Structure formats: C-alpha cells, structure tokens
Amino acid sequence: MKNLSDILIIGGGIFGITSAVELAKRKYKVTLINPDSIPHHLAASTDITKAVRMEYGSDKEYFRMAEICINGLHEWNDLFKEEIYHEVGFLMLCKDKLESVAHTYEMDSYQNLIEAGYTTQRLNSASISENFPAINPELYIDGNFNPKAGYVKSGRLVEKLADYARSLGVNIIQGHTAHKFIVDKGHLTAVKTREGETYQSGHTIVAAGANTPFLLPELQPYMKATGHPVFWLKPTNIAHLTSPHLPVFTADISNSGWYGFPITSEHGVVKVAKHTNGLDVHPDHDDRQITDAEIKDMRNFLKSSIPSLFSAPLVFTRRCLYMDTLDGHFWIDNHPEIQGLSVSSGGSGHGLKMAPLLGEMTADVVEVKANPFTERFRWRHLTQKTQQVEEARCVTNRKL
C-alpha cells in the first residue's frame, strides 16, 4: 500500500529527526514528512550555533540529562567524523558575588558541578580580565568557567542526522505539510497533507515544533510559539573573541537574558542572543523581523559588557522560534484520547541541548517502555498560573 509505514513522523527538526534515527535503529519502518527542506530555514534548530551546558541551576535532573548528552555529542562527532560539537567551555558572568540572591541560578549551577567532581574555575574581576579580556571586568566581578561545555553547530547537526536517518532506511519526504488527521474509533489511521497525499501508519508522532499546537488544538492552552532576537556581528579585530579567550558565555543571564558565542571560523561572526519571555508569534504569519529597539538594546549590552564589539557591523538578524510550554518542560507523551498518536515537542529554548536523549525518550514513550527522564514531560494540565521553571531564562514573574 502506498505511503504505509510502521511510524510516521511529522516534522524534521531536532525532535523529529532524532526520533526517526532511534526508531529506525529499533527496526521500525519509518517515514518522516517535513513542509520544507531539512533543516528548515525558519525552524528553531536551524542556526549556526546552540549552547551546550550542564548549568541548570537547582534542577539536578536536567543537569544529569545534559551530562549524558555531552557524552552523546562526542559520540556523534566520532560517528560523523566531523567536529559538530565544539567543547570550548561555558562562562557564567555575574555582576555581583555568586553568593548573592541575584545569582541563585549561577550559584546552584556551580555547586552542582563541584558536587559532581568537575574541575571549574571560580572567577573574580582580575581573573576575568586575565583570561577573558573582551569582557568588562568592572561590570562583571564574579563567575565561573566550566570547560566541559560548549556549542553545537545546530543546523549542521540536523543535516547530518537526516543523512544518518536515510542511511538507516528512513523515508524522508520534504515539501509535504501535515494538515488533517484521520481518526477511526479513537485510533489515528492516516494523515492528510496540504499537498494532497495521504500517509498511513501504525503510529504517528507529531514533532512539528511551533506548529504542534495548530495540528493539535487541544495543546494550545499549554504551549505557544515565542520569538527571540539573535544577532550576528562581524568584528575586524578578532584577537580576544576566539576560543579560548571567549567561550560560550552568559552575562547575568537570569536577570538580563544575554548570552553569546565565540567567533566562528566558518562565518567570522560573533553571535549574541537573548533568552527571555520573547514575543508571541505565529509560526507562519509573522515576519519575525528584529526591531530597532531590540538592536539598540543589543548595542547597549555590548557597550557595557564587551566594548570591543560595540561598533562591530551587524550582518544578520533572526528571530529564533521557541515552542514554549508554559512550564518550560518538553512535551513527550502518547495522546491520552487518540490511540496511535504521540507528541514530541516543547523545546522551550533548550531542546537541542538534549538532542542525544530526545529520540530515545520519544521511542520509549511510543513503545510504552520505562525511561528515567520522561515522567516530567508527560501530558499534563497547565494553567495561566503555571510558572516557567528553566532557571537560566530571564522571565518576568516566571510566567510566559
């Protein structure tokens, strides 16, 4: 029968493509459909870099997950024979002492690393100036450098995982957009696309990123798409902007939202971005343009924090799209009312960090197998009073 598979996956972002790989390794016949090319040029996972860190504040479960994923990223480097994950370290910068109430995220993250036996470098103004000379040591007086962290070339990773999925037999179909679910007696039997195709499968996984709650309106009370500003700057003097002089960094992030990356050799740019509430956006209808006010905000941040970047030409901007759940946790579970349907989504701005675990968690949910990390990602009831719990993120009143 045409378009028949064991598993149909809707979406070829980091949730969908890792699920395709894992399920193909478990010997399922897998089809994946995606509305555009993979990586999609507007998808959350499409970018030059994404931060990889174990620093999750008081959340020790995410700490453990990130620890496992860093090892998994090294394994992917070996598998793909390419340095997609760059372990350049992670620098947390604080405007006050680490022990202050303003820096509980940084202090808890630091203590988790120490308790787990990692070697870190506690910093003060003098050591910041000596080791990271691009940073203003008069503004940032404390912090920590963790060498076991870095960044992943996110768009490239999705591209390589797609190639890997194909090598495992996954049928990847680009240019097909899921539009309608066919449900018979409480069981999902097929998915129709806008392009007029019908895909039948034993089980369907919605991994559609920001389009997830539009395919499944019952999820709209619990998740929404938000857009966040990203800036690429192209400095002429790069001496202090390359690793190890500048690693992945956060600049008082839980209070400001600002973070960034060292200059990349492929593009010659320093990327800075903001991890906050963001703006509510529609994944298809909003233009995702960065505003003049956001550019001014970015320049003011650089003027005080990394003065040598203040006047660097701004060569590219984008609005990174998060598929936010109201509590900041992923949403990986079987549908409670429709058999043969699962959801793997809700990246909330930190999904790609967990890429080596996403496919495994999704596959275990599909197979109804125990997994040490999936319980908090189950189908759940959230309200407007629900607090966003990802502690690195600067969120007003902890509400999205």
Protein backbone atom coordinates (compact mmCIF):
# COMPACT_ATOMS: atom_id res chain seq x y z
CA MET A 1 0.00 0.00 0.00
CA LYS A 2 1.35 3.45 -0.91
CA ASN A 3 2.62 5.65 1.92
CA LEU A 4 2.30 2.92 4.54
CA SER A 5 4.82 2.68 7.37
CA ASP A 6 5.13 1.49 10.95
CA ILE A 7 5.86 5.01 12.19
CA LEU A 8 5.02 8.36 10.60
CA ILE A 9 6.87 11.37 12.00
CA ILE A 10 5.56 14.86 11.32
CA GLY A 11 8.45 17.32 11.43
CA GLY A 12 12.15 17.12 10.67
CA GLY A 13 13.55 19.38 13.38
CA ILE A 14 15.69 18.08 16.23
CA PHE A 15 12.80 16.24 17.94
CA GLY A 16 11.61 14.57 14.76
CA ILE A 17 14.94 13.64 13.22
CA THR A 18 16.36 12.14 16.43
CA SER A 19 13.14 10.14 16.85
CA ALA A 20 13.45 8.88 13.27
CA VAL A 21 17.03 7.74 13.88
CA GLU A 22 16.22 5.95 17.14
CA LEU A 23 13.11 4.21 15.83
CA ALA A 24 14.91 3.10 12.66
CA LYS A 25 17.65 1.62 14.85
CA ARG A 26 14.87 -0.30 16.62
CA LYS A 27 13.94 -1.78 13.20
CA TYR A 28 10.74 0.11 12.52
CA LYS A 29 9.82 1.21 9.01
CA VAL A 30 9.82 5.00 9.43
CA THR A 31 8.52 7.79 7.21
CA LEU A 32 9.19 11.43 8.06
CA ILE A 33 7.43 14.34 6.35
CA ASN A 34 8.51 17.96 6.56
CA PRO A 35 6.96 21.06 4.96
CA ASP A 36 10.28 22.32 3.56
CA SER A 37 13.92 21.35 3.33
CA ILE A 38 15.77 19.82 6.28
CA PRO A 39 16.98 21.78 8.14
CA HIS A 40 14.05 24.13 7.60
CA HIS A 41 15.32 27.69 7.20
CA LEU A 42 12.85 29.01 9.81
CA ALA A 43 12.97 26.14 12.31
CA ALA A 44 14.23 26.65 15.85
CA SER A 45 17.04 24.16 15.28
CA THR A 46 18.33 26.00 12.20
CA ASP A 47 21.21 28.24 13.17
CA ILE A 48 24.99 28.20 13.22
CA THR A 49 25.33 27.51 16.95
CA LYS A 50 23.38 26.38 20.01
CA ALA A 51 24.79 26.41 23.53
CA VAL A 52 25.51 23.14 25.31
CA ARG A 53 25.72 23.33 29.11
CA MET A 54 25.12 21.39 32.28
CA GLU A 55 24.31 24.61 34.13
CA TYR A 56 20.63 24.23 35.00
CA GLY A 57 20.58 25.85 38.42
CA SER A 58 18.90 23.74 41.09
CA ASP A 59 17.45 21.28 38.57
CA LYS A 60 19.63 18.22 39.06
CA GLU A 61 17.64 16.07 36.64
CA TYR A 62 18.36 18.41 33.74
CA PHE A 63 21.97 18.53 34.95
CA ARG A 64 22.19 14.76 34.63
CA MET A 65 20.48 14.79 31.24
CA ALA A 66 22.88 17.42 29.92
CA GLU A 67 25.83 15.45 31.29
CA ILE A 68 24.68 12.39 29.31
CA CYS A 69 24.05 14.49 26.21
CA ILE A 70 27.56 15.97 26.20
CA ASN A 71 28.92 12.43 26.03
CA GLY A 72 26.39 11.70 23.27
CA LEU A 73 27.54 14.72 21.28
CA HIS A 74 31.13 13.49 21.45
CA GLU A 75 29.90 10.14 20.13
CA TRP A 76 28.19 11.90 17.22
CA ASN A 77 31.43 13.73 16.46
CA ASP A 78 33.10 10.34 16.17
CA LEU A 79 30.24 8.80 14.18
CA PHE A 80 30.07 11.63 11.66
CA LYS A 81 33.85 12.14 11.61
CA GLU A 82 33.26 15.86 11.97
CA GLU A 83 33.53 18.31 14.86
CA ILE A 84 29.90 19.34 15.10
CA TYR A 85 30.09 19.75 18.88
CA HIS A 86 32.85 22.16 19.95
CA GLU A 87 33.84 21.85 23.60
CA VAL A 88 35.05 25.40 24.15
CA GLY A 89 33.67 25.72 27.68
CA PHE A 90 30.92 27.74 29.33
CA LEU A 91 31.47 31.05 31.13
CA MET A 92 28.90 32.35 33.62
CA LEU A 93 29.39 36.05 34.36
CA CYS A 94 27.88 37.79 37.39
CA LYS A 95 27.53 41.46 38.25
CA ASP A 96 27.51 40.66 41.97
CA LYS A 97 29.04 37.93 44.12
CA LEU A 98 27.99 34.41 43.22
CA GLU A 99 26.57 34.04 46.73
CA SER A 100 24.13 36.96 46.29
CA VAL A 101 20.38 36.41 45.96
CA ALA A 102 20.57 37.77 42.41
CA HIS A 103 22.69 34.81 41.31
CA THR A 104 21.00 31.71 42.72
CA TYR A 105 20.97 30.19 39.21
CA GLU A 106 24.72 30.61 38.86
CA MET A 107 25.49 29.51 42.42
CA ASP A 108 23.35 26.36 42.21
CA SER A 109 24.87 25.52 38.83
CA TYR A 110 28.38 25.99 40.23
CA GLN A 111 27.66 23.81 43.25
CA ASN A 112 26.22 21.01 41.07
CA LEU A 113 29.42 20.95 39.05
CA ILE A 114 31.60 20.83 42.16
CA GLU A 115 29.50 18.10 43.79
CA ALA A 116 29.73 16.03 40.61
CA GLY A 117 33.51 16.28 40.63
CA TYR A 118 34.03 18.63 37.68
CA THR A 119 37.03 20.94 37.61
CA THR A 120 35.87 24.53 37.25
CA GLN A 121 37.49 27.95 37.59
CA ARG A 122 35.84 30.36 40.02
CA LEU A 123 36.49 33.89 38.79
CA ASN A 124 36.87 37.43 40.05
CA SER A 125 37.49 40.70 38.24
CA ALA A 126 41.22 40.08 37.95
CA SER A 127 40.90 36.56 36.55
CA ILE A 128 38.13 37.62 34.18
CA SER A 129 40.40 40.34 32.84
CA GLU A 130 43.33 37.96 32.51
CA ASN A 131 41.56 35.02 30.92
CA PHE A 132 38.69 36.65 29.04
CA PRO A 133 39.98 40.10 28.05
CA ALA A 134 37.00 41.01 25.85
CA ILE A 135 34.74 41.07 28.94
CA ASN A 136 34.42 44.25 31.01
CA PRO A 137 35.83 43.24 34.45
CA GLU A 138 34.45 46.35 36.10
CA LEU A 139 30.91 45.25 35.34
CA TYR A 140 31.33 41.50 35.91
CA ILE A 141 33.09 40.83 39.18
CA ASP A 142 32.41 37.12 39.71
CA GLY A 143 31.60 34.00 37.77
CA ASN A 144 32.68 30.52 36.82
CA PHE A 145 34.26 28.83 33.83
CA ASN A 146 33.36 25.20 33.12
CA PRO A 147 35.49 23.60 30.39
CA LYS A 148 33.07 20.65 29.98
CA ALA A 149 30.56 22.52 27.78
CA GLY A 150 30.47 24.39 24.50
CA TYR A 151 28.34 24.70 21.41
CA VAL A 152 26.94 22.55 18.64
CA LYS A 153 26.62 23.59 15.01
CA SER A 154 22.90 23.10 15.13
CA GLY A 155 21.84 23.32 11.50
CA ARG A 156 24.73 21.09 10.51
CA LEU A 157 23.79 18.55 13.18
CA VAL A 158 20.21 18.31 11.85
CA GLU A 159 21.61 17.89 8.34
CA LYS A 160 23.95 15.08 9.39
CA LEU A 161 21.24 13.34 11.42
CA ALA A 162 18.95 13.46 8.39
CA ASP A 163 21.66 11.79 6.29
CA TYR A 164 22.14 9.21 9.02
CA ALA A 165 18.40 8.55 9.18
CA ARG A 166 18.32 7.95 5.42
CA SER A 167 21.23 5.51 5.75
CA LEU A 168 19.14 3.59 8.30
CA GLY A 169 16.24 3.35 5.85
CA VAL A 170 14.08 6.28 6.95
CA ASN A 171 11.95 7.62 4.11
CA ILE A 172 12.31 11.41 4.40
CA ILE A 173 9.81 13.34 2.31
CA GLN A 174 10.34 17.10 2.07
CA GLY A 175 7.73 19.56 0.88
CA HIS A 176 4.78 17.79 2.50
CA THR A 177 2.79 19.57 5.20
CA ALA A 178 0.54 17.67 7.61
CA HIS A 179 -2.94 19.13 7.51
CA LYS A 180 -5.61 16.70 8.75
CA PHE A 181 -5.74 13.64 10.99
CA ILE A 182 -8.00 10.72 10.10
CA VAL A 183 -9.27 9.13 13.32
CA ASP A 184 -11.41 5.99 13.28
CA LYS A 185 -12.95 4.76 16.53
CA GLY A 186 -10.40 6.62 18.64
CA HIS A 187 -7.40 5.43 16.62
CA LEU A 188 -5.35 7.59 14.27
CA THR A 189 -5.13 5.75 10.96
CA ALA A 190 -3.80 8.30 8.49
CA VAL A 191 -2.55 11.85 7.98
CA LYS A 192 -3.51 14.00 5.01
CA THR A 193 -1.24 16.76 3.73
CA ARG A 194 -1.95 20.12 2.14
CA GLU A 195 -0.28 18.76 -0.97
CA GLY A 196 -2.97 16.09 -1.34
CA GLU A 197 -1.12 12.99 -0.13
CA THR A 198 -2.39 10.54 2.48
CA TYR A 199 0.08 8.78 4.80
CA GLN A 200 -0.98 5.68 6.69
CA SER A 201 0.96 4.27 9.62
CA GLY A 202 0.69 2.13 12.70
CA HIS A 203 1.73 5.07 14.84
CA THR A 204 2.18 8.82 14.23
CA ILE A 205 4.45 11.21 16.11
CA VAL A 206 3.80 14.96 15.97
CA ALA A 207 7.22 16.61 16.23
CA ALA A 208 6.17 19.76 14.41
CA GLY A 209 7.85 22.36 16.59
CA ALA A 210 5.95 25.63 16.67
CA ASN A 211 3.19 24.14 14.53
CA THR A 212 2.41 21.43 17.10
CA PRO A 213 -0.50 23.23 18.82
CA PHE A 214 -2.00 24.13 15.45
CA LEU A 215 -2.08 20.47 14.44
CA LEU A 216 -3.36 19.54 17.89
CA PRO A 217 -5.54 22.44 19.13
CA GLU A 218 -6.07 20.67 22.45
CA LEU A 219 -2.47 21.65 23.26
CA GLN A 220 -2.99 25.38 22.68
CA PRO A 221 -3.77 26.11 26.36
CA TYR A 222 -0.42 24.57 27.33
CA MET A 223 2.07 25.79 24.75
CA LYS A 224 2.75 28.68 22.39
CA ALA A 225 5.34 29.94 19.93
CA THR A 226 7.61 32.76 21.04
CA GLY A 227 10.29 34.63 19.09
CA HIS A 228 13.68 35.72 20.43
CA PRO A 229 16.26 38.08 18.92
CA VAL A 230 19.54 36.72 17.54
CA PHE A 231 22.34 38.94 16.21
CA TRP A 232 25.46 38.20 14.17
CA LEU A 233 28.27 40.74 14.39
CA LYS A 234 31.38 40.73 12.20
CA PRO A 235 34.30 42.40 14.01
CA THR A 236 37.56 43.29 12.30
CA ASN A 237 39.73 42.71 15.38
CA ILE A 238 39.08 39.14 16.50
CA ALA A 239 42.07 38.57 18.80
CA HIS A 240 40.06 38.38 22.05
CA LEU A 241 36.87 36.99 20.52
CA THR A 242 38.03 33.49 19.64
CA SER A 243 38.20 30.45 21.89
CA PRO A 244 39.81 30.10 24.44
CA HIS A 245 39.75 33.87 25.00
CA LEU A 246 35.97 33.88 24.57
CA PRO A 247 33.95 30.69 25.18
CA VAL A 248 30.18 30.33 25.16
CA PHE A 249 29.10 32.86 27.78
CA THR A 250 26.14 34.11 29.78
CA ALA A 251 26.08 37.67 31.09
CA ASP A 252 23.96 37.80 34.24
CA ILE A 253 21.54 35.74 32.14
CA SER A 254 18.78 35.03 34.66
CA ASN A 255 18.46 38.79 35.20
CA SER A 256 19.26 40.02 31.68
CA GLY A 257 18.74 37.15 29.24
CA TRP A 258 22.01 37.84 27.38
CA TYR A 259 24.32 35.09 26.15
CA GLY A 260 26.70 34.57 23.25
CA PHE A 261 29.37 32.59 21.45
CA PRO A 262 32.97 32.92 20.33
CA ILE A 263 33.66 33.94 16.77
CA THR A 264 33.07 31.11 14.30
CA SER A 265 35.72 30.32 11.71
CA GLU A 266 33.14 29.42 9.05
CA HIS A 267 31.20 32.69 9.24
CA GLY A 268 33.58 35.06 11.01
CA VAL A 269 30.82 36.30 13.30
CA VAL A 270 30.12 36.59 16.99
CA LYS A 271 26.55 35.59 17.77
CA VAL A 272 24.70 37.13 20.72
CA ALA A 273 21.12 36.46 21.68
CA LYS A 274 18.56 36.96 24.41
CA HIS A 275 16.82 34.20 26.43
CA THR A 276 13.69 35.85 27.88
CA ASN A 277 9.89 35.83 27.54
CA GLY A 278 10.25 36.76 23.88
CA LEU A 279 7.35 37.85 21.71
CA ASP A 280 4.26 35.79 20.97
CA VAL A 281 4.45 34.91 17.28
CA HIS A 282 2.60 32.81 14.73
CA PRO A 283 4.97 30.35 13.03
CA ASP A 284 3.56 31.08 9.56
CA HIS A 285 2.06 34.57 9.63
CA ASP A 286 4.58 36.77 11.49
CA ASP A 287 7.54 38.25 9.63
CA ARG A 288 9.96 37.56 12.52
CA GLN A 289 11.85 40.79 11.92
CA ILE A 290 14.06 42.25 14.66
CA THR A 291 13.03 45.72 15.79
CA ASP A 292 15.17 48.84 16.02
CA ALA A 293 14.55 48.86 19.77
CA GLU A 294 16.00 45.35 20.06
CA ILE A 295 19.07 46.36 18.07
CA LYS A 296 19.55 49.37 20.36
CA ASP A 297 19.17 47.08 23.38
CA MET A 298 21.84 44.76 21.95
CA ARG A 299 24.24 47.66 21.33
CA ASN A 300 23.77 48.95 24.88
CA PHE A 301 24.53 45.46 26.21
CA LEU A 302 27.75 45.25 24.16
CA LYS A 303 28.83 48.77 25.10
CA SER A 304 28.82 47.90 28.78
CA SER A 305 29.78 44.21 28.60
CA ILE A 306 32.02 43.61 25.55
CA PRO A 307 33.15 47.08 24.47
CA SER A 308 35.24 45.85 21.53
CA LEU A 309 32.07 44.50 19.88
CA PHE A 310 30.01 47.65 20.35
CA SER A 311 30.78 49.11 16.92
CA ALA A 312 31.11 45.83 15.01
CA PRO A 313 28.93 45.67 11.89
CA LEU A 314 25.62 43.87 12.35
CA VAL A 315 25.47 41.49 9.37
CA PHE A 316 22.44 39.29 10.13
CA THR A 317 19.50 39.01 12.49
CA ARG A 318 16.84 36.39 13.02
CA ARG A 319 14.05 35.74 15.46
CA CYS A 320 14.66 32.30 16.92
CA LEU A 321 11.39 30.46 17.38
CA TYR A 322 10.76 28.60 20.63
CA MET A 323 7.93 26.10 21.01
CA ASP A 324 7.28 27.05 24.61
CA THR A 325 5.35 25.02 27.13
CA LEU A 326 4.05 27.14 29.99
CA ASP A 327 6.28 25.33 32.49
CA GLY A 328 9.38 25.16 30.28
CA HIS A 329 9.48 21.35 30.15
CA PHE A 330 9.37 19.24 27.00
CA TRP A 331 6.14 17.57 25.94
CA ILE A 332 6.84 13.92 25.07
CA ASP A 333 3.95 11.53 25.55
CA ASN A 334 1.21 9.48 23.94
CA HIS A 335 -2.07 11.25 23.33
CA PRO A 336 -4.46 10.47 26.21
CA GLU A 337 -7.52 10.05 23.97
CA ILE A 338 -6.28 9.11 20.49
CA GLN A 339 -4.51 5.78 20.11
CA GLY A 340 -1.58 5.59 17.75
CA LEU A 341 -0.63 9.25 18.28
CA SER A 342 2.30 10.72 20.22
CA VAL A 343 3.75 14.18 20.68
CA SER A 344 7.45 15.08 20.86
CA SER A 345 7.79 18.84 21.11
CA GLY A 346 8.00 21.76 23.51
CA GLY A 347 11.71 22.57 23.20
CA SER A 348 11.22 25.81 25.17
CA GLY A 349 14.58 27.18 24.07
CA HIS A 350 16.71 24.29 25.29
CA GLY A 351 15.66 21.30 23.21
CA LEU A 352 18.77 21.00 21.08
CA LYS A 353 20.98 20.74 24.17
CA MET A 354 19.24 17.45 24.85
CA ALA A 355 19.37 16.12 21.29
CA PRO A 356 21.12 12.80 22.11
CA LEU A 357 18.28 11.91 24.52
CA LEU A 358 15.24 13.20 22.63
CA GLY A 359 14.92 10.31 20.21
CA GLU A 360 15.42 7.71 22.91
CA MET A 361 12.78 9.30 25.16
CA THR A 362 10.30 9.54 22.28
CA ALA A 363 10.87 5.96 21.17
CA ASP A 364 10.44 4.67 24.73
CA VAL A 365 7.14 6.54 25.03
CA VAL A 366 5.93 5.05 21.74
CA GLU A 367 6.89 1.57 22.92
CA VAL A 368 5.49 2.24 26.42
CA LYS A 369 8.86 1.49 27.98
CA ALA A 370 10.22 2.91 31.21
CA ASN A 371 12.63 5.80 30.85
CA PRO A 372 14.37 7.60 33.72
CA PHE A 373 13.61 11.08 32.37
CA THR A 374 10.20 11.10 30.69
CA GLU A 375 7.87 11.40 33.68
CA ARG A 376 8.01 15.20 33.90
CA PHE A 377 7.41 15.50 30.14
CA ARG A 378 4.09 13.63 30.18
CA TRP A 379 0.74 15.05 29.08
CA ARG A 380 -0.27 17.38 31.89
CA HIS A 381 -2.66 20.15 32.85
CA LEU A 382 -1.15 23.65 32.95
CA THR A 383 -2.83 26.97 33.67
CA GLN A 384 -2.03 30.66 33.34
CA LYS A 385 -0.72 30.42 36.91
CA THR A 386 1.88 27.83 35.88
CA GLN A 387 5.44 29.05 36.40
CA GLN A 388 8.21 28.69 33.85
CA VAL A 389 10.97 26.80 35.65
CA GLU A 390 14.06 26.95 33.41
CA GLU A 391 16.24 28.99 35.76
CA ALA A 392 18.70 30.41 33.24
CA ARG A 393 15.89 32.14 31.42
CA CYS A 394 15.02 35.73 32.31
CA VAL A 395 11.22 35.55 32.56
CA THR A 396 9.07 38.26 34.10
CA ASN A 397 7.25 36.88 37.14
CA ARG A 398 8.24 33.39 35.89
CA LYS A 399 5.16 33.47 33.59
CA LEU A 400 5.06 33.00 29.83
